Amino acid sequence: MTSEATLAKICDLIEPINKKGVPLTADTTFAADLELDSLTVMGLVADIEDEFDILLPINLLPELETIGQVADAVDRIVADKN
């Protein structure tokens, strides 16, 4: 899966919880733009992990502020797994 495909898939997973209808781009932030609470974010993390069959390290999560950063992290984890 390419980085663009990863980004698109993550955007698909975010769309149902995008209550404000914010345009989803690599620069969209979870806290400021989407205003997601921690419980919603943890649900999203679980969805991403299921979709890509990976585990996102809990200590990495605070560093992931944008959709693009999450997509990059997913790509790295998938690459390391293969």
PDB file of N, CA and C in Angstrom:
ATOM      1  N   MET A   1       0.852  -1.181   0.000  1.00  0.00           N
ATOM      2  CA  MET A   1       0.000   0.000   0.000  1.00  0.00           C
ATOM      3  C   MET A   1       0.895   1.240   0.000  1.00  0.00           C
ATOM      4  N   THR A   2       0.584   2.180  -0.852  1.00  0.00           N
ATOM      5  CA  THR A   2       1.391   3.394  -0.932  1.00  0.00           C
ATOM      6  C   THR A   2       0.979   4.385   0.145  1.00  0.00           C
ATOM      7  N   SER A   3       1.791   5.391   0.335  1.00  0.00           N
ATOM      8  CA  SER A   3       1.489   6.410   1.333  1.00  0.00           C
ATOM      9  C   SER A   3       0.167   7.119   1.015  1.00  0.00           C
ATOM     10  N   GLU A   4      -0.071   7.395  -0.265  1.00  0.00           N
ATOM     11  CA  GLU A   4      -1.341   8.032  -0.650  1.00  0.00           C
ATOM     12  C   GLU A   4      -2.515   7.124  -0.333  1.00  0.00           C
ATOM     13  N   ALA A   5      -2.341   5.834  -0.576  1.00  0.00           N
ATOM     14  CA  ALA A   5      -3.411   4.880  -0.276  1.00  0.00           C
ATOM     15  C   ALA A   5      -3.631   4.787   1.231  1.00  0.00           C
ATOM     16  N   THR A   6      -2.541   4.820   1.992  1.00  0.00           N
ATOM     17  CA  THR A   6      -2.652   4.788   3.456  1.00  0.00           C
ATOM     18  C   THR A   6      -3.398   6.017   3.943  1.00  0.00           C
ATOM     19  N   LEU A   7      -3.019   7.175   3.439  1.00  0.00           N
ATOM     20  CA  LEU A   7      -3.676   8.425   3.824  1.00  0.00           C
ATOM     21  C   LEU A   7      -5.167   8.377   3.483  1.00  0.00           C
ATOM     22  N   ALA A   8      -5.490   7.903   2.300  1.00  0.00           N
ATOM     23  CA  ALA A   8      -6.895   7.822   1.869  1.00  0.00           C
ATOM     24  C   ALA A   8      -7.692   6.880   2.767  1.00  0.00           C
ATOM     25  N   LYS A   9      -7.101   5.745   3.120  1.00  0.00           N
ATOM     26  CA  LYS A   9      -7.803   4.771   3.963  1.00  0.00           C
ATOM     27  C   LYS A   9      -8.037   5.339   5.355  1.00  0.00           C
ATOM     28  N   ILE A  10      -7.030   6.037   5.895  1.00  0.00           N
ATOM     29  CA  ILE A  10      -7.191   6.647   7.219  1.00  0.00           C
ATOM     30  C   ILE A  10      -8.269   7.722   7.175  1.00  0.00           C
ATOM     31  N   CYS A  11      -8.302   8.501   6.105  1.00  0.00           N
ATOM     32  CA  CYS A  11      -9.367   9.501   5.949  1.00  0.00           C
ATOM     33  C   CYS A  11     -10.740   8.827   5.904  1.00  0.00           C
ATOM     34  N   ASP A  12     -10.832   7.678   5.234  1.00  0.00           N
ATOM     35  CA  ASP A  12     -12.092   6.922   5.196  1.00  0.00           C
ATOM     36  C   ASP A  12     -12.514   6.503   6.602  1.00  0.00           C
ATOM     37  N   LEU A  13     -11.544   6.118   7.429  1.00  0.00           N
ATOM     38  CA  LEU A  13     -11.849   5.701   8.798  1.00  0.00           C
ATOM     39  C   LEU A  13     -12.262   6.888   9.672  1.00  0.00           C
ATOM     40  N   ILE A  14     -11.743   8.056   9.370  1.00  0.00           N
ATOM     41  CA  ILE A  14     -12.056   9.259  10.151  1.00  0.00           C
ATOM     42  C   ILE A  14     -13.409   9.849   9.757  1.00  0.00           C
ATOM     43  N   GLU A  15     -13.785   9.702   8.506  1.00  0.00           N
ATOM     44  CA  GLU A  15     -14.991  10.356   7.987  1.00  0.00           C
ATOM     45  C   GLU A  15     -16.227  10.166   8.884  1.00  0.00           C
ATOM     46  N   PRO A  16     -16.532   8.957   9.372  1.00  0.00           N
ATOM     47  CA  PRO A  16     -17.735   8.806  10.208  1.00  0.00           C
ATOM     48  C   PRO A  16     -17.684   9.581  11.535  1.00  0.00           C
ATOM     49  N   ILE A  17     -16.486   9.920  12.014  1.00  0.00           N
ATOM     50  CA  ILE A  17     -16.380  10.652  13.281  1.00  0.00           C
ATOM     51  C   ILE A  17     -16.042  12.126  13.059  1.00  0.00           C
ATOM     52  N   ASN A  18     -16.045  12.544  11.806  1.00  0.00           N
ATOM     53  CA  ASN A  18     -15.755  13.939  11.447  1.00  0.00           C
ATOM     54  C   ASN A  18     -17.045  14.749  11.553  1.00  0.00           C
ATOM     55  N   LYS A  19     -17.479  14.992  12.775  1.00  0.00           N
ATOM     56  CA  LYS A  19     -18.778  15.638  13.021  1.00  0.00           C
ATOM     57  C   LYS A  19     -18.839  17.077  12.525  1.00  0.00           C
ATOM     58  N   LYS A  20     -17.683  17.740  12.436  1.00  0.00           N
ATOM     59  CA  LYS A  20     -17.654  19.134  11.991  1.00  0.00           C
ATOM     60  C   LYS A  20     -17.552  19.255  10.475  1.00  0.00           C
ATOM     61  N   GLY A  21     -17.376  18.139   9.769  1.00  0.00           N
ATOM     62  CA  GLY A  21     -17.262  18.192   8.320  1.00  0.00           C
ATOM     63  C   GLY A  21     -16.000  18.881   7.838  1.00  0.00           C
ATOM     64  N   VAL A  22     -14.935  18.783   8.634  1.00  0.00           N
ATOM     65  CA  VAL A  22     -13.652  19.403   8.294  1.00  0.00           C
ATOM     66  C   VAL A  22     -13.061  18.690   7.078  1.00  0.00           C
ATOM     67  N   PRO A  23     -12.509  19.435   6.099  1.00  0.00           N
ATOM     68  CA  PRO A  23     -11.824  18.768   4.985  1.00  0.00           C
ATOM     69  C   PRO A  23     -10.645  17.949   5.525  1.00  0.00           C
ATOM     70  N   LEU A  24     -10.570  16.690   5.137  1.00  0.00           N
ATOM     71  CA  LEU A  24      -9.530  15.793   5.640  1.00  0.00           C
ATOM     72  C   LEU A  24      -8.337  15.795   4.694  1.00  0.00           C
ATOM     73  N   THR A  25      -7.219  16.333   5.190  1.00  0.00           N
ATOM     74  CA  THR A  25      -5.970  16.363   4.432  1.00  0.00           C
ATOM     75  C   THR A  25      -4.854  15.857   5.337  1.00  0.00           C
ATOM     76  N   ALA A  26      -3.664  15.735   4.788  1.00  0.00           N
ATOM     77  CA  ALA A  26      -2.516  15.289   5.584  1.00  0.00           C
ATOM     78  C   ALA A  26      -2.225  16.252   6.727  1.00  0.00           C
ATOM     79  N   ASP A  27      -2.602  17.520   6.573  1.00  0.00           N
ATOM     80  CA  ASP A  27      -2.311  18.530   7.594  1.00  0.00           C
ATOM     81  C   ASP A  27      -3.425  18.709   8.628  1.00  0.00           C
ATOM     82  N   THR A  28      -4.536  18.000   8.471  1.00  0.00           N
ATOM     83  CA  THR A  28      -5.640  18.112   9.424  1.00  0.00           C
ATOM     84  C   THR A  28      -5.208  17.559  10.779  1.00  0.00           C
ATOM     85  N   THR A  29      -5.441  18.341  11.838  1.00  0.00           N
ATOM     86  CA  THR A  29      -5.065  17.896  13.184  1.00  0.00           C
ATOM     87  C   THR A  29      -6.266  17.277  13.894  1.00  0.00           C
ATOM     88  N   PHE A  30      -5.950  16.325  14.762  1.00  0.00           N
ATOM     89  CA  PHE A  30      -7.010  15.627  15.499  1.00  0.00           C
ATOM     90  C   PHE A  30      -7.605  16.502  16.591  1.00  0.00           C
ATOM     91  N   ALA A  31      -6.760  17.246  17.294  1.00  0.00           N
ATOM     92  CA  ALA A  31      -7.238  18.048  18.421  1.00  0.00           C
ATOM     93  C   ALA A  31      -7.857  19.368  17.958  1.00  0.00           C
ATOM     94  N   ALA A  32      -7.087  20.172  17.243  1.00  0.00           N
ATOM     95  CA  ALA A  32      -7.559  21.513  16.880  1.00  0.00           C
ATOM     96  C   ALA A  32      -8.627  21.501  15.788  1.00  0.00           C
ATOM     97  N   ASP A  33      -8.382  20.754  14.706  1.00  0.00           N
ATOM     98  CA  ASP A  33      -9.318  20.776  13.573  1.00  0.00           C
ATOM     99  C   ASP A  33     -10.544  19.889  13.806  1.00  0.00           C
ATOM    100  N   LEU A  34     -10.307  18.644  14.176  1.00  0.00           N
ATOM    101  CA  LEU A  34     -11.408  17.684  14.319  1.00  0.00           C
ATOM    102  C   LEU A  34     -12.041  17.716  15.711  1.00  0.00           C
ATOM    103  N   GLU A  35     -11.305  18.258  16.682  1.00  0.00           N
ATOM    104  CA  GLU A  35     -11.782  18.345  18.075  1.00  0.00           C
ATOM    105  C   GLU A  35     -12.218  16.977  18.609  1.00  0.00           C
ATOM    106  N   LEU A  36     -11.394  15.956  18.375  1.00  0.00           N
ATOM    107  CA  LEU A  36     -11.707  14.618  18.855  1.00  0.00           C
ATOM    108  C   LEU A  36     -11.271  14.462  20.306  1.00  0.00           C
ATOM    109  N   ASP A  37     -12.118  13.845  21.110  1.00  0.00           N
ATOM    110  CA  ASP A  37     -11.729  13.578  22.498  1.00  0.00           C
ATOM    111  C   ASP A  37     -10.899  12.296  22.550  1.00  0.00           C
ATOM    112  N   SER A  38     -10.282  12.053  23.688  1.00  0.00           N
ATOM    113  CA  SER A  38      -9.342  10.932  23.802  1.00  0.00           C
ATOM    114  C   SER A  38     -10.020   9.584  23.577  1.00  0.00           C
ATOM    115  N   LEU A  39     -11.258   9.435  23.999  1.00  0.00           N
ATOM    116  CA  LEU A  39     -11.969   8.166  23.793  1.00  0.00           C
ATOM    117  C   LEU A  39     -12.200   7.911  22.307  1.00  0.00           C
ATOM    118  N   THR A  40     -12.580   8.943  21.578  1.00  0.00           N
ATOM    119  CA  THR A  40     -12.782   8.824  20.131  1.00  0.00           C
ATOM    120  C   THR A  40     -11.470   8.496  19.434  1.00  0.00           C
ATOM    121  N   VAL A  41     -10.390   9.153  19.869  1.00  0.00           N
ATOM    122  CA  VAL A  41      -9.075   8.889  19.279  1.00  0.00           C
ATOM    123  C   VAL A  41      -8.664   7.431  19.514  1.00  0.00           C
ATOM    124  N   MET A  42      -8.900   6.912  20.706  1.00  0.00           N
ATOM    125  CA  MET A  42      -8.536   5.520  20.992  1.00  0.00           C
ATOM    126  C   MET A  42      -9.352   4.554  20.125  1.00  0.00           C
ATOM    127  N   GLY A  43     -10.609   4.873  19.881  1.00  0.00           N
ATOM    128  CA  GLY A  43     -11.417   4.067  18.975  1.00  0.00           C
ATOM    129  C   GLY A  43     -10.871   4.106  17.559  1.00  0.00           C
ATOM    130  N   LEU A  44     -10.437   5.294  17.135  1.00  0.00           N
ATOM    131  CA  LEU A  44      -9.841   5.450  15.806  1.00  0.00           C
ATOM    132  C   LEU A  44      -8.549   4.651  15.715  1.00  0.00           C
ATOM    133  N   VAL A  45      -7.722   4.711  16.755  1.00  0.00           N
ATOM    134  CA  VAL A  45      -6.475   3.937  16.789  1.00  0.00           C
ATOM    135  C   VAL A  45      -6.777   2.456  16.617  1.00  0.00           C
ATOM    136  N   ALA A  46      -7.791   1.967  17.320  1.00  0.00           N
ATOM    137  CA  ALA A  46      -8.172   0.553  17.200  1.00  0.00           C
ATOM    138  C   ALA A  46      -8.614   0.230  15.777  1.00  0.00           C
ATOM    139  N   ASP A  47      -9.375   1.131  15.154  1.00  0.00           N
ATOM    140  CA  ASP A  47      -9.816   0.921  13.768  1.00  0.00           C
ATOM    141  C   ASP A  47      -8.621   0.871  12.810  1.00  0.00           C
ATOM    142  N   ILE A  48      -7.663   1.772  13.020  1.00  0.00           N
ATOM    143  CA  ILE A  48      -6.461   1.806  12.168  1.00  0.00           C
ATOM    144  C   ILE A  48      -5.656   0.521  12.348  1.00  0.00           C
ATOM    145  N   GLU A  49      -5.504   0.106  13.601  1.00  0.00           N
ATOM    146  CA  GLU A  49      -4.762  -1.130  13.870  1.00  0.00           C
ATOM    147  C   GLU A  49      -5.426  -2.329  13.204  1.00  0.00           C
ATOM    148  N   ASP A  50      -6.744  -2.401  13.285  1.00  0.00           N
ATOM    149  CA  ASP A  50      -7.481  -3.512  12.651  1.00  0.00           C
ATOM    150  C   ASP A  50      -7.343  -3.453  11.128  1.00  0.00           C
ATOM    151  N   GLU A  51      -7.490  -2.285  10.555  1.00  0.00           N
ATOM    152  CA  GLU A  51      -7.453  -2.123   9.101  1.00  0.00           C
ATOM    153  C   GLU A  51      -6.103  -2.526   8.519  1.00  0.00           C
ATOM    154  N   PHE A  52      -5.022  -2.135   9.196  1.00  0.00           N
ATOM    155  CA  PHE A  52      -3.683  -2.382   8.660  1.00  0.00           C
ATOM    156  C   PHE A  52      -2.982  -3.574   9.308  1.00  0.00           C
ATOM    157  N   ASP A  53      -3.667  -4.236  10.260  1.00  0.00           N
ATOM    158  CA  ASP A  53      -3.123  -5.396  10.969  1.00  0.00           C
ATOM    159  C   ASP A  53      -1.764  -5.071  11.603  1.00  0.00           C
ATOM    160  N   ILE A  54      -1.764  -3.978  12.378  1.00  0.00           N
ATOM    161  CA  ILE A  54      -0.555  -3.516  13.058  1.00  0.00           C
ATOM    162  C   ILE A  54      -0.907  -3.129  14.491  1.00  0.00           C
ATOM    163  N   LEU A  55       0.107  -2.803  15.266  1.00  0.00           N
ATOM    164  CA  LEU A  55      -0.078  -2.193  16.581  1.00  0.00           C
ATOM    165  C   LEU A  55       0.659  -0.860  16.588  1.00  0.00           C
ATOM    166  N   LEU A  56      -0.070   0.198  16.928  1.00  0.00           N
ATOM    167  CA  LEU A  56       0.555   1.512  17.073  1.00  0.00           C
ATOM    168  C   LEU A  56       1.056   1.619  18.508  1.00  0.00           C
ATOM    169  N   PRO A  57       2.355   1.789  18.708  1.00  0.00           N
ATOM    170  CA  PRO A  57       2.885   1.887  20.074  1.00  0.00           C
ATOM    171  C   PRO A  57       2.267   3.063  20.827  1.00  0.00           C
ATOM    172  N   ILE A  58       1.789   2.801  22.033  1.00  0.00           N
ATOM    173  CA  ILE A  58       1.100   3.823  22.823  1.00  0.00           C
ATOM    174  C   ILE A  58       1.997   5.038  23.076  1.00  0.00           C
ATOM    175  N   ASN A  59       3.305   4.825  23.197  1.00  0.00           N
ATOM    176  CA  ASN A  59       4.208   5.950  23.442  1.00  0.00           C
ATOM    177  C   ASN A  59       4.401   6.824  22.203  1.00  0.00           C
ATOM    178  N   LEU A  60       3.997   6.336  21.044  1.00  0.00           N
ATOM    179  CA  LEU A  60       4.097   7.101  19.806  1.00  0.00           C
ATOM    180  C   LEU A  60       2.900   8.037  19.609  1.00  0.00           C
ATOM    181  N   LEU A  61       1.773   7.697  20.202  1.00  0.00           N
ATOM    182  CA  LEU A  61       0.527   8.419  19.945  1.00  0.00           C
ATOM    183  C   LEU A  61       0.580   9.922  20.241  1.00  0.00           C
ATOM    184  N   PRO A  62       1.199  10.365  21.346  1.00  0.00           N
ATOM    185  CA  PRO A  62       1.221  11.819  21.594  1.00  0.00           C
ATOM    186  C   PRO A  62       1.942  12.621  20.510  1.00  0.00           C
ATOM    187  N   GLU A  63       2.834  11.981  19.776  1.00  0.00           N
ATOM    188  CA  GLU A  63       3.586  12.667  18.725  1.00  0.00           C
ATOM    189  C   GLU A  63       2.786  12.801  17.424  1.00  0.00           C
ATOM    190  N   LEU A  64       1.701  12.063  17.306  1.00  0.00           N
ATOM    191  CA  LEU A  64       0.925  12.029  16.065  1.00  0.00           C
ATOM    192  C   LEU A  64      -0.220  13.043  16.152  1.00  0.00           C
ATOM    193  N   GLU A  65       0.020  14.230  15.613  1.00  0.00           N
ATOM    194  CA  GLU A  65      -0.961  15.306  15.721  1.00  0.00           C
ATOM    195  C   GLU A  65      -1.792  15.500  14.463  1.00  0.00           C
ATOM    196  N   THR A  66      -1.278  15.033  13.319  1.00  0.00           N
ATOM    197  CA  THR A  66      -1.997  15.225  12.055  1.00  0.00           C
ATOM    198  C   THR A  66      -2.283  13.871  11.398  1.00  0.00           C
ATOM    199  N   ILE A  67      -3.207  13.900  10.451  1.00  0.00           N
ATOM    200  CA  ILE A  67      -3.527  12.681   9.710  1.00  0.00           C
ATOM    201  C   ILE A  67      -2.297  12.195   8.941  1.00  0.00           C
ATOM    202  N   GLY A  68      -1.529  13.124   8.382  1.00  0.00           N
ATOM    203  CA  GLY A  68      -0.323  12.759   7.644  1.00  0.00           C
ATOM    204  C   GLY A  68       0.711  12.074   8.520  1.00  0.00           C
ATOM    205  N   GLN A  69       0.869  12.552   9.756  1.00  0.00           N
ATOM    206  CA  GLN A  69       1.821  11.922  10.675  1.00  0.00           C
ATOM    207  C   GLN A  69       1.393  10.492  11.001  1.00  0.00           C
ATOM    208  N   VAL A  70       0.102  10.282  11.160  1.00  0.00           N
ATOM    209  CA  VAL A  70      -0.402   8.932  11.420  1.00  0.00           C
ATOM    210  C   VAL A  70      -0.157   8.044  10.203  1.00  0.00           C
ATOM    211  N   ALA A  71      -0.435   8.553   9.008  1.00  0.00           N
ATOM    212  CA  ALA A  71      -0.217   7.771   7.782  1.00  0.00           C
ATOM    213  C   ALA A  71       1.258   7.385   7.644  1.00  0.00           C
ATOM    214  N   ASP A  72       2.158   8.326   7.933  1.00  0.00           N
ATOM    215  CA  ASP A  72       3.591   8.029   7.867  1.00  0.00           C
ATOM    216  C   ASP A  72       3.974   6.947   8.877  1.00  0.00           C
ATOM    217  N   ALA A  73       3.436   7.057  10.094  1.00  0.00           N
ATOM    218  CA  ALA A  73       3.737   6.060  11.133  1.00  0.00           C
ATOM    219  C   ALA A  73       3.222   4.689  10.717  1.00  0.00           C
ATOM    220  N   VAL A  74       2.016   4.644  10.162  1.00  0.00           N
ATOM    221  CA  VAL A  74       1.448   3.367   9.701  1.00  0.00           C
ATOM    222  C   VAL A  74       2.336   2.769   8.614  1.00  0.00           C
ATOM    223  N   ASP A  75       2.753   3.584   7.651  1.00  0.00           N
ATOM    224  CA  ASP A  75       3.629   3.092   6.587  1.00  0.00           C
ATOM    225  C   ASP A  75       4.928   2.527   7.138  1.00  0.00           C
ATOM    226  N   ARG A  76       5.526   3.227   8.114  1.00  0.00           N
ATOM    227  CA  ARG A  76       6.782   2.732   8.711  1.00  0.00           C
ATOM    228  C   ARG A  76       6.566   1.403   9.426  1.00  0.00           C
ATOM    229  N   ILE A  77       5.488   1.303  10.190  1.00  0.00           N
ATOM    230  CA  ILE A  77       5.206   0.075  10.951  1.00  0.00           C
ATOM    231  C   ILE A  77       4.942  -1.083  10.000  1.00  0.00           C
ATOM    232  N   VAL A  78       4.166  -0.838   8.951  1.00  0.00           N
ATOM    233  CA  VAL A  78       3.878  -1.884   7.962  1.00  0.00           C
ATOM    234  C   VAL A  78       5.169  -2.324   7.265  1.00  0.00           C
ATOM    235  N   ALA A  79       6.015  -1.364   6.911  1.00  0.00           N
ATOM    236  CA  ALA A  79       7.287  -1.689   6.243  1.00  0.00           C
ATOM    237  C   ALA A  79       8.198  -2.509   7.156  1.00  0.00           C
ATOM    238  N   ASP A  80       8.248  -2.133   8.441  1.00  0.00           N
ATOM    239  CA  ASP A  80       9.085  -2.866   9.403  1.00  0.00           C
ATOM    240  C   ASP A  80       8.558  -4.281   9.631  1.00  0.00           C
ATOM    241  N   LYS A  81       7.255  -4.431   9.507  1.00  0.00           N
ATOM    242  CA  LYS A  81       6.619  -5.740   9.735  1.00  0.00           C
ATOM    243  C   LYS A  81       6.923  -6.718   8.591  1.00  0.00           C
ATOM    244  N   ASN A  82       7.105  -6.187   7.395  1.00  0.00           N
ATOM    245  CA  ASN A  82       7.294  -7.030   6.197  1.00  0.00           C
ATOM    246  C   ASN A  82       8.726  -7.366   5.934  1.00  0.00           C
TER     247      ASN A  82
END
